[in-house]
Amino acid sequence: MATPGQALRKRLQQCRETLECALPQPQVETLLTGWLLSRAWRDKGYCPGGAGFAGDGLTVMYPFLAEEDLAFLWEEWAGLWAREGARVKGVLGEPFLGGMAVEDIIALYACLQQPQRRQRLGAYYSPQEVVDFILQHTLVPLLKEMGPERVTFLDPACGCGH
């Protein structure tokens, strides 16, 4: 039996194939990535007041997108959503992502990014196995030794938009 993440991944692929008949590949990626992020932001409660879909979540988050390139992606997404949102919703339905593991949402996001686009954006992701290994040999022992209240953690790439 397929997990919710696997089922959504299959529907995202079907949606991609449907949209690629009408739109260039970069626009399809922007449209589907925007859908995934805005839906996840809303369903995970990251957007105030239930915003997060049909552009609302992006409007709420827009002031925090300081980089011009990132802001441009969201402006492009809003225009694409206005034209193609009904088609996307027709294929994907209304899945709730609030109960989905963050790792599964990250995997869906990564599968939406073509290698050329990831290279252009400088978006490179560590495989989960590597992340787990690093954490088990660095942060986990430190947390056990000192306790979470005494550990400060810095992720220099956090919030970079990738």
N, C-alpha and C. Protein backbone atom coordinates (compact mmCIF):
# COMPACT_ATOMS: atom_id res chain seq x y z
N MET A 1 0.84 -1.18 0.00
CA MET A 1 0.00 0.00 0.00
C MET A 1 0.89 1.25 0.00
N ALA A 2 0.54 2.21 -0.83
CA ALA A 2 1.34 3.42 -0.97
C ALA A 2 1.13 4.35 0.23
N THR A 3 2.20 5.00 0.65
CA THR A 3 2.10 6.01 1.71
C THR A 3 1.46 7.26 1.12
N PRO A 4 0.96 8.19 1.97
CA PRO A 4 0.41 9.44 1.44
C PRO A 4 1.42 10.20 0.58
N GLY A 5 2.69 10.19 0.99
CA GLY A 5 3.72 10.87 0.20
C GLY A 5 3.91 10.24 -1.17
N GLN A 6 3.89 8.91 -1.23
CA GLN A 6 4.05 8.22 -2.51
C GLN A 6 2.85 8.47 -3.41
N ALA A 7 1.65 8.45 -2.84
CA ALA A 7 0.45 8.69 -3.63
C ALA A 7 0.45 10.12 -4.19
N LEU A 8 0.84 11.09 -3.37
CA LEU A 8 0.89 12.47 -3.83
C LEU A 8 1.98 12.64 -4.88
N ARG A 9 3.09 11.96 -4.71
CA ARG A 9 4.17 12.04 -5.71
C ARG A 9 3.67 11.56 -7.07
N LYS A 10 2.90 10.48 -7.07
CA LYS A 10 2.34 9.96 -8.31
C LYS A 10 1.38 10.98 -8.94
N ARG A 11 0.52 11.59 -8.12
CA ARG A 11 -0.40 12.60 -8.65
C ARG A 11 0.34 13.84 -9.14
N LEU A 12 1.42 14.23 -8.46
CA LEU A 12 2.23 15.36 -8.93
C LEU A 12 2.83 15.05 -10.30
N GLN A 13 3.28 13.82 -10.50
CA GLN A 13 3.83 13.43 -11.80
C GLN A 13 2.74 13.47 -12.87
N GLN A 14 1.55 13.00 -12.55
CA GLN A 14 0.44 13.06 -13.50
C GLN A 14 0.10 14.51 -13.84
N CYS A 15 0.11 15.36 -12.83
CA CYS A 15 -0.18 16.78 -13.04
C CYS A 15 0.89 17.42 -13.90
N ARG A 16 2.14 17.08 -13.64
CA ARG A 16 3.25 17.60 -14.45
C ARG A 16 3.04 17.23 -15.92
N GLU A 17 2.72 15.97 -16.18
CA GLU A 17 2.51 15.51 -17.56
C GLU A 17 1.35 16.24 -18.21
N THR A 18 0.28 16.48 -17.47
CA THR A 18 -0.87 17.22 -18.00
C THR A 18 -0.48 18.65 -18.34
N LEU A 19 0.22 19.31 -17.44
CA LEU A 19 0.58 20.71 -17.63
C LEU A 19 1.62 20.91 -18.72
N GLU A 20 2.54 19.94 -18.88
CA GLU A 20 3.60 20.11 -19.88
C GLU A 20 3.06 20.13 -21.30
N CYS A 21 1.80 19.73 -21.49
CA CYS A 21 1.17 19.85 -22.81
C CYS A 21 0.84 21.31 -23.12
N ALA A 22 0.72 22.15 -22.08
CA ALA A 22 0.29 23.53 -22.28
C ALA A 22 1.32 24.57 -21.86
N LEU A 23 2.29 24.18 -21.03
CA LEU A 23 3.23 25.15 -20.47
C LEU A 23 4.66 24.69 -20.63
N PRO A 24 5.61 25.64 -20.71
CA PRO A 24 7.02 25.25 -20.70
C PRO A 24 7.39 24.62 -19.35
N GLN A 25 8.38 23.73 -19.38
CA GLN A 25 8.78 22.99 -18.19
C GLN A 25 9.10 23.89 -16.99
N PRO A 26 9.85 25.00 -17.16
CA PRO A 26 10.13 25.84 -15.98
C PRO A 26 8.86 26.40 -15.33
N GLN A 27 7.86 26.72 -16.13
CA GLN A 27 6.61 27.22 -15.56
C GLN A 27 5.86 26.11 -14.82
N VAL A 28 5.92 24.90 -15.35
CA VAL A 28 5.29 23.76 -14.67
C VAL A 28 5.95 23.56 -13.31
N GLU A 29 7.27 23.61 -13.26
CA GLU A 29 7.99 23.45 -11.99
C GLU A 29 7.63 24.55 -11.01
N THR A 30 7.58 25.79 -11.48
CA THR A 30 7.23 26.91 -10.61
C THR A 30 5.81 26.74 -10.08
N LEU A 31 4.89 26.35 -10.95
CA LEU A 31 3.49 26.19 -10.55
C LEU A 31 3.33 25.10 -9.50
N LEU A 32 3.92 23.94 -9.74
CA LEU A 32 3.76 22.82 -8.81
C LEU A 32 4.53 23.03 -7.50
N THR A 33 5.71 23.64 -7.59
CA THR A 33 6.47 23.95 -6.37
C THR A 33 5.71 24.95 -5.51
N GLY A 34 5.17 25.99 -6.14
CA GLY A 34 4.36 26.97 -5.41
C GLY A 34 3.15 26.34 -4.76
N TRP A 35 2.50 25.42 -5.50
CA TRP A 35 1.35 24.72 -4.93
C TRP A 35 1.76 23.94 -3.68
N LEU A 36 2.84 23.16 -3.80
CA LEU A 36 3.29 22.33 -2.69
C LEU A 36 3.65 23.18 -1.47
N LEU A 37 4.44 24.23 -1.67
CA LEU A 37 4.88 25.05 -0.55
C LEU A 37 3.73 25.81 0.09
N SER A 38 2.85 26.41 -0.72
CA SER A 38 1.75 27.16 -0.13
C SER A 38 0.80 26.24 0.62
N ARG A 39 0.57 25.05 0.06
CA ARG A 39 -0.30 24.07 0.72
C ARG A 39 0.34 23.59 2.04
N ALA A 40 1.62 23.28 2.00
CA ALA A 40 2.31 22.84 3.22
C ALA A 40 2.32 23.94 4.27
N TRP A 41 2.60 25.19 3.86
CA TRP A 41 2.60 26.30 4.81
C TRP A 41 1.24 26.42 5.49
N ARG A 42 0.18 26.32 4.71
CA ARG A 42 -1.16 26.44 5.29
C ARG A 42 -1.46 25.26 6.21
N ASP A 43 -1.30 24.05 5.69
CA ASP A 43 -1.70 22.86 6.43
C ASP A 43 -0.85 22.62 7.68
N LYS A 44 0.40 23.04 7.66
CA LYS A 44 1.28 22.90 8.83
C LYS A 44 1.09 24.05 9.83
N GLY A 45 0.27 25.04 9.45
CA GLY A 45 -0.02 26.15 10.35
C GLY A 45 1.03 27.24 10.35
N TYR A 46 1.86 27.32 9.30
CA TYR A 46 2.90 28.34 9.24
C TYR A 46 2.37 29.70 8.80
N CYS A 47 1.18 29.73 8.20
CA CYS A 47 0.58 30.99 7.75
C CYS A 47 -0.53 31.37 8.72
N PRO A 48 -0.56 32.62 9.15
CA PRO A 48 -1.59 33.04 10.11
C PRO A 48 -2.98 33.03 9.49
N GLY A 49 -3.96 32.76 10.31
CA GLY A 49 -5.35 32.90 9.89
C GLY A 49 -5.81 31.94 8.82
N GLY A 50 -5.16 30.80 8.68
CA GLY A 50 -5.60 29.83 7.69
C GLY A 50 -5.21 30.19 6.27
N ALA A 51 -4.41 31.22 6.08
CA ALA A 51 -3.95 31.56 4.73
C ALA A 51 -3.05 30.46 4.23
N GLY A 52 -2.77 30.45 2.96
CA GLY A 52 -1.80 29.48 2.48
C GLY A 52 -2.13 28.84 1.18
N PHE A 53 -3.30 29.11 0.61
CA PHE A 53 -3.59 28.49 -0.67
C PHE A 53 -4.23 29.51 -1.58
N ALA A 54 -4.24 29.22 -2.85
CA ALA A 54 -4.76 30.13 -3.87
C ALA A 54 -4.08 31.49 -3.76
N GLY A 55 -2.83 31.49 -3.39
CA GLY A 55 -2.05 32.71 -3.34
C GLY A 55 -1.97 33.35 -1.97
N ASP A 56 -2.93 33.07 -1.07
CA ASP A 56 -2.93 33.74 0.23
C ASP A 56 -1.66 33.49 1.02
N GLY A 57 -1.21 32.26 1.05
CA GLY A 57 -0.01 31.93 1.81
C GLY A 57 1.20 32.64 1.25
N LEU A 58 1.26 32.74 -0.06
CA LEU A 58 2.39 33.43 -0.67
C LEU A 58 2.32 34.91 -0.38
N THR A 59 1.12 35.48 -0.32
CA THR A 59 0.97 36.89 0.02
C THR A 59 1.45 37.13 1.45
N VAL A 60 1.12 36.24 2.35
CA VAL A 60 1.54 36.37 3.75
C VAL A 60 3.06 36.26 3.85
N MET A 61 3.66 35.34 3.10
CA MET A 61 5.10 35.10 3.19
C MET A 61 5.92 36.08 2.35
N TYR A 62 5.31 36.73 1.37
CA TYR A 62 6.03 37.58 0.42
C TYR A 62 6.95 38.61 1.08
N PRO A 63 6.51 39.31 2.13
CA PRO A 63 7.41 40.31 2.73
C PRO A 63 8.72 39.73 3.25
N PHE A 64 8.76 38.44 3.50
CA PHE A 64 9.96 37.81 4.04
C PHE A 64 10.89 37.29 2.95
N LEU A 65 10.49 37.44 1.69
CA LEU A 65 11.31 36.97 0.57
C LEU A 65 12.19 38.12 0.11
N ALA A 66 13.29 38.32 0.80
CA ALA A 66 14.15 39.48 0.56
C ALA A 66 14.87 39.41 -0.78
N GLU A 67 15.23 38.23 -1.21
CA GLU A 67 15.97 38.10 -2.45
C GLU A 67 15.06 38.37 -3.64
N GLU A 68 15.49 39.24 -4.55
CA GLU A 68 14.67 39.58 -5.70
C GLU A 68 14.33 38.35 -6.53
N ASP A 69 15.27 37.43 -6.69
CA ASP A 69 15.00 36.24 -7.49
C ASP A 69 13.89 35.40 -6.87
N LEU A 70 13.90 35.26 -5.56
CA LEU A 70 12.87 34.47 -4.90
C LEU A 70 11.52 35.16 -5.00
N ALA A 71 11.50 36.48 -4.79
CA ALA A 71 10.25 37.21 -4.92
C ALA A 71 9.69 37.07 -6.33
N PHE A 72 10.55 37.12 -7.33
CA PHE A 72 10.11 36.96 -8.71
C PHE A 72 9.45 35.61 -8.93
N LEU A 73 10.02 34.54 -8.34
CA LEU A 73 9.42 33.22 -8.48
C LEU A 73 8.00 33.21 -7.95
N TRP A 74 7.76 33.88 -6.82
CA TRP A 74 6.42 33.88 -6.25
C TRP A 74 5.48 34.75 -7.06
N GLU A 75 5.97 35.86 -7.61
CA GLU A 75 5.12 36.68 -8.48
C GLU A 75 4.72 35.88 -9.72
N GLU A 76 5.69 35.15 -10.28
CA GLU A 76 5.40 34.30 -11.43
C GLU A 76 4.38 33.23 -11.04
N TRP A 77 4.54 32.65 -9.85
CA TRP A 77 3.62 31.62 -9.40
C TRP A 77 2.19 32.15 -9.31
N ALA A 78 2.02 33.34 -8.76
CA ALA A 78 0.68 33.90 -8.60
C ALA A 78 -0.02 34.03 -9.95
N GLY A 79 0.71 34.50 -10.97
CA GLY A 79 0.13 34.61 -12.31
C GLY A 79 -0.21 33.26 -12.90
N LEU A 80 0.69 32.30 -12.73
CA LEU A 80 0.43 30.94 -13.23
C LEU A 80 -0.76 30.32 -12.51
N TRP A 81 -0.83 30.53 -11.20
CA TRP A 81 -1.92 29.94 -10.43
C TRP A 81 -3.27 30.50 -10.90
N ALA A 82 -3.32 31.80 -11.17
CA ALA A 82 -4.56 32.41 -11.63
C ALA A 82 -5.04 31.75 -12.93
N ARG A 83 -4.11 31.39 -13.80
CA ARG A 83 -4.47 30.78 -15.10
C ARG A 83 -4.66 29.28 -15.02
N GLU A 84 -3.84 28.58 -14.22
CA GLU A 84 -3.80 27.12 -14.27
C GLU A 84 -4.20 26.42 -12.97
N GLY A 85 -4.55 27.19 -11.95
CA GLY A 85 -4.86 26.60 -10.65
C GLY A 85 -5.99 25.57 -10.68
N ALA A 86 -7.02 25.85 -11.46
CA ALA A 86 -8.15 24.90 -11.54
C ALA A 86 -7.69 23.56 -12.12
N ARG A 87 -6.81 23.61 -13.09
CA ARG A 87 -6.31 22.37 -13.69
C ARG A 87 -5.48 21.58 -12.67
N VAL A 88 -4.65 22.28 -11.91
CA VAL A 88 -3.83 21.63 -10.88
C VAL A 88 -4.74 20.97 -9.84
N LYS A 89 -5.72 21.72 -9.35
CA LYS A 89 -6.63 21.18 -8.34
C LYS A 89 -7.43 20.00 -8.89
N GLY A 90 -7.74 20.03 -10.19
CA GLY A 90 -8.47 18.93 -10.80
C GLY A 90 -7.68 17.62 -10.76
N VAL A 91 -6.37 17.71 -10.91
CA VAL A 91 -5.53 16.50 -10.89
C VAL A 91 -5.14 16.12 -9.46
N LEU A 92 -4.76 17.11 -8.65
CA LEU A 92 -4.22 16.83 -7.31
C LEU A 92 -5.30 16.71 -6.24
N GLY A 93 -6.46 17.28 -6.48
CA GLY A 93 -7.49 17.27 -5.45
C GLY A 93 -7.14 18.23 -4.33
N GLU A 94 -7.58 17.90 -3.13
CA GLU A 94 -7.37 18.75 -1.95
C GLU A 94 -6.67 17.98 -0.83
N PRO A 95 -5.50 17.42 -1.08
CA PRO A 95 -4.84 16.66 -0.01
C PRO A 95 -4.44 17.56 1.16
N PHE A 96 -4.54 17.01 2.35
CA PHE A 96 -4.11 17.73 3.56
C PHE A 96 -2.69 17.31 3.89
N LEU A 97 -1.77 18.26 3.94
CA LEU A 97 -0.36 17.95 4.18
C LEU A 97 0.05 18.13 5.64
N GLY A 98 -0.87 18.56 6.48
CA GLY A 98 -0.53 18.82 7.88
C GLY A 98 -0.03 17.60 8.62
N GLY A 99 -0.52 16.42 8.28
CA GLY A 99 -0.08 15.21 8.96
C GLY A 99 1.10 14.53 8.30
N MET A 100 1.54 15.06 7.16
CA MET A 100 2.65 14.45 6.43
C MET A 100 3.98 14.84 7.07
N ALA A 101 4.87 13.90 7.18
CA ALA A 101 6.19 14.18 7.75
C ALA A 101 6.91 15.23 6.91
N VAL A 102 7.62 16.11 7.58
CA VAL A 102 8.37 17.16 6.88
C VAL A 102 9.33 16.54 5.87
N GLU A 103 9.95 15.42 6.23
CA GLU A 103 10.88 14.76 5.30
C GLU A 103 10.19 14.36 4.01
N ASP A 104 8.92 13.95 4.10
CA ASP A 104 8.17 13.57 2.90
C ASP A 104 7.87 14.79 2.03
N ILE A 105 7.56 15.92 2.67
CA ILE A 105 7.31 17.15 1.92
C ILE A 105 8.60 17.61 1.24
N ILE A 106 9.72 17.50 1.94
CA ILE A 106 11.01 17.85 1.36
C ILE A 106 11.31 16.96 0.16
N ALA A 107 11.03 15.67 0.28
CA ALA A 107 11.26 14.75 -0.84
C ALA A 107 10.39 15.11 -2.04
N LEU A 108 9.14 15.49 -1.79
CA LEU A 108 8.26 15.92 -2.88
C LEU A 108 8.80 17.18 -3.54
N TYR A 109 9.25 18.12 -2.73
CA TYR A 109 9.83 19.36 -3.26
C TYR A 109 11.03 19.05 -4.14
N ALA A 110 11.91 18.19 -3.65
CA ALA A 110 13.12 17.84 -4.42
C ALA A 110 12.77 17.16 -5.73
N CYS A 111 11.75 16.30 -5.73
CA CYS A 111 11.40 15.60 -6.97
C CYS A 111 10.79 16.55 -8.00
N LEU A 112 10.27 17.69 -7.56
CA LEU A 112 9.71 18.66 -8.50
C LEU A 112 10.78 19.49 -9.20
N GLN A 113 11.98 19.52 -8.63
CA GLN A 113 13.05 20.35 -9.17
C GLN A 113 13.89 19.58 -10.17
N GLN A 114 13.91 20.04 -11.40
CA GLN A 114 14.77 19.43 -12.41
C GLN A 114 16.23 19.77 -12.09
N PRO A 115 17.16 18.89 -12.43
CA PRO A 115 18.57 19.14 -12.12
C PRO A 115 19.08 20.49 -12.65
N GLN A 116 18.64 20.90 -13.83
CA GLN A 116 19.10 22.17 -14.39
C GLN A 116 18.64 23.35 -13.53
N ARG A 117 17.40 23.29 -13.06
CA ARG A 117 16.89 24.37 -12.22
C ARG A 117 17.59 24.38 -10.87
N ARG A 118 17.79 23.21 -10.29
CA ARG A 118 18.49 23.12 -9.01
C ARG A 118 19.89 23.70 -9.14
N GLN A 119 20.56 23.41 -10.24
CA GLN A 119 21.91 23.93 -10.45
C GLN A 119 21.86 25.45 -10.57
N ARG A 120 20.89 25.99 -11.34
CA ARG A 120 20.77 27.43 -11.52
C ARG A 120 20.51 28.13 -10.18
N LEU A 121 19.68 27.52 -9.33
CA LEU A 121 19.36 28.12 -8.03
C LEU A 121 20.42 27.83 -6.97
N GLY A 122 21.35 26.92 -7.27
CA GLY A 122 22.34 26.53 -6.28
C GLY A 122 21.71 25.69 -5.18
N ALA A 123 20.68 24.92 -5.53
CA ALA A 123 19.93 24.13 -4.56
C ALA A 123 20.45 22.69 -4.55
N TYR A 124 21.22 22.38 -3.54
CA TYR A 124 21.77 21.04 -3.39
C TYR A 124 21.34 20.51 -2.03
N TYR A 125 20.89 19.27 -2.00
CA TYR A 125 20.34 18.69 -0.78
C TYR A 125 21.14 17.48 -0.36
N SER A 126 21.39 17.39 0.93
CA SER A 126 22.08 16.22 1.46
C SER A 126 21.09 15.06 1.53
N PRO A 127 21.50 13.87 1.10
CA PRO A 127 20.61 12.71 1.25
C PRO A 127 20.29 12.48 2.73
N GLN A 128 19.09 12.01 3.00
CA GLN A 128 18.65 11.82 4.38
C GLN A 128 19.60 10.93 5.17
N GLU A 129 20.17 9.92 4.52
CA GLU A 129 21.10 9.03 5.22
C GLU A 129 22.32 9.79 5.71
N VAL A 130 22.80 10.74 4.92
CA VAL A 130 23.96 11.55 5.31
C VAL A 130 23.58 12.46 6.48
N VAL A 131 22.42 13.09 6.38
CA VAL A 131 21.95 13.96 7.46
C VAL A 131 21.82 13.16 8.76
N ASP A 132 21.20 11.99 8.68
CA ASP A 132 21.04 11.15 9.87
C ASP A 132 22.39 10.77 10.47
N PHE A 133 23.35 10.40 9.63
CA PHE A 133 24.68 10.02 10.11
C PHE A 133 25.34 11.19 10.83
N ILE A 134 25.29 12.36 10.22
CA ILE A 134 25.91 13.55 10.83
C ILE A 134 25.26 13.86 12.17
N LEU A 135 23.93 13.83 12.21
CA LEU A 135 23.23 14.12 13.47
C LEU A 135 23.57 13.11 14.55
N GLN A 136 23.60 11.84 14.20
CA GLN A 136 23.89 10.79 15.19
C GLN A 136 25.30 10.90 15.76
N HIS A 137 26.20 11.51 15.01
CA HIS A 137 27.59 11.62 15.47
C HIS A 137 27.98 13.02 15.94
N THR A 138 27.04 13.95 15.90
CA THR A 138 27.36 15.30 16.36
C THR A 138 26.32 15.82 17.33
N LEU A 139 25.15 16.13 16.83
CA LEU A 139 24.13 16.79 17.65
C LEU A 139 23.52 15.86 18.71
N VAL A 140 23.19 14.64 18.34
CA VAL A 140 22.55 13.73 19.30
C VAL A 140 23.43 13.50 20.54
N PRO A 141 24.72 13.19 20.39
CA PRO A 141 25.54 13.02 21.59
C PRO A 141 25.63 14.29 22.44
N LEU A 142 25.69 15.43 21.77
CA LEU A 142 25.75 16.70 22.49
C LEU A 142 24.46 16.95 23.28
N LEU A 143 23.32 16.65 22.66
CA LEU A 143 22.04 16.81 23.36
C LEU A 143 21.95 15.88 24.57
N LYS A 144 22.45 14.66 24.42
CA LYS A 144 22.43 13.71 25.54
C LYS A 144 23.34 14.18 26.67
N GLU A 145 24.48 14.74 26.30
CA GLU A 145 25.45 15.17 27.31
C GLU A 145 25.00 16.45 28.02
N MET A 146 24.54 17.44 27.26
CA MET A 146 24.27 18.76 27.83
C MET A 146 22.78 19.04 28.05
N GLY A 147 21.91 18.36 27.32
CA GLY A 147 20.48 18.66 27.39
C GLY A 147 20.11 19.73 26.38
N PRO A 148 18.89 19.68 25.87
CA PRO A 148 18.49 20.60 24.81
C PRO A 148 18.48 22.07 25.23
N GLU A 149 18.26 22.35 26.51
CA GLU A 149 18.22 23.74 26.96
C GLU A 149 19.59 24.41 26.94
N ARG A 150 20.67 23.65 26.86
CA ARG A 150 22.02 24.22 26.88
C ARG A 150 22.72 24.15 25.52
N VAL A 151 22.02 23.67 24.51
CA VAL A 151 22.62 23.54 23.18
C VAL A 151 22.04 24.60 22.25
N THR A 152 22.92 25.32 21.60
CA THR A 152 22.51 26.28 20.57
C THR A 152 22.90 25.71 19.22
N PHE A 153 21.98 25.74 18.29
CA PHE A 153 22.20 25.13 16.99
C PHE A 153 22.07 26.19 15.91
N LEU A 154 22.96 26.18 14.94
CA LEU A 154 22.92 27.11 13.82
C LEU A 154 22.90 26.33 12.52
N ASP A 155 21.92 26.63 11.68
CA ASP A 155 21.87 26.08 10.33
C ASP A 155 22.10 27.25 9.38
N PRO A 156 23.30 27.41 8.84
CA PRO A 156 23.61 28.58 8.02
C PRO A 156 22.79 28.68 6.74
N ALA A 157 22.21 27.59 6.28
CA ALA A 157 21.40 27.64 5.06
C ALA A 157 19.92 27.83 5.36
N CYS A 158 19.54 27.83 6.61
CA CYS A 158 18.13 27.95 6.98
C CYS A 158 17.56 29.26 6.46
N GLY A 159 16.44 29.17 5.77
CA GLY A 159 15.79 30.36 5.26
C GLY A 159 16.35 30.88 3.96
N CYS A 160 17.23 30.12 3.33
CA CYS A 160 17.84 30.61 2.09
C CYS A 160 16.88 30.48 0.91
N GLY A 161 15.75 29.79 1.09
CA GLY A 161 14.76 29.71 0.03
C GLY A 161 14.89 28.50 -0.86
N HIS A 162 15.76 27.59 -0.55
CA HIS A 162 15.92 26.40 -1.38
C HIS A 162 15.34 25.21 -0.67
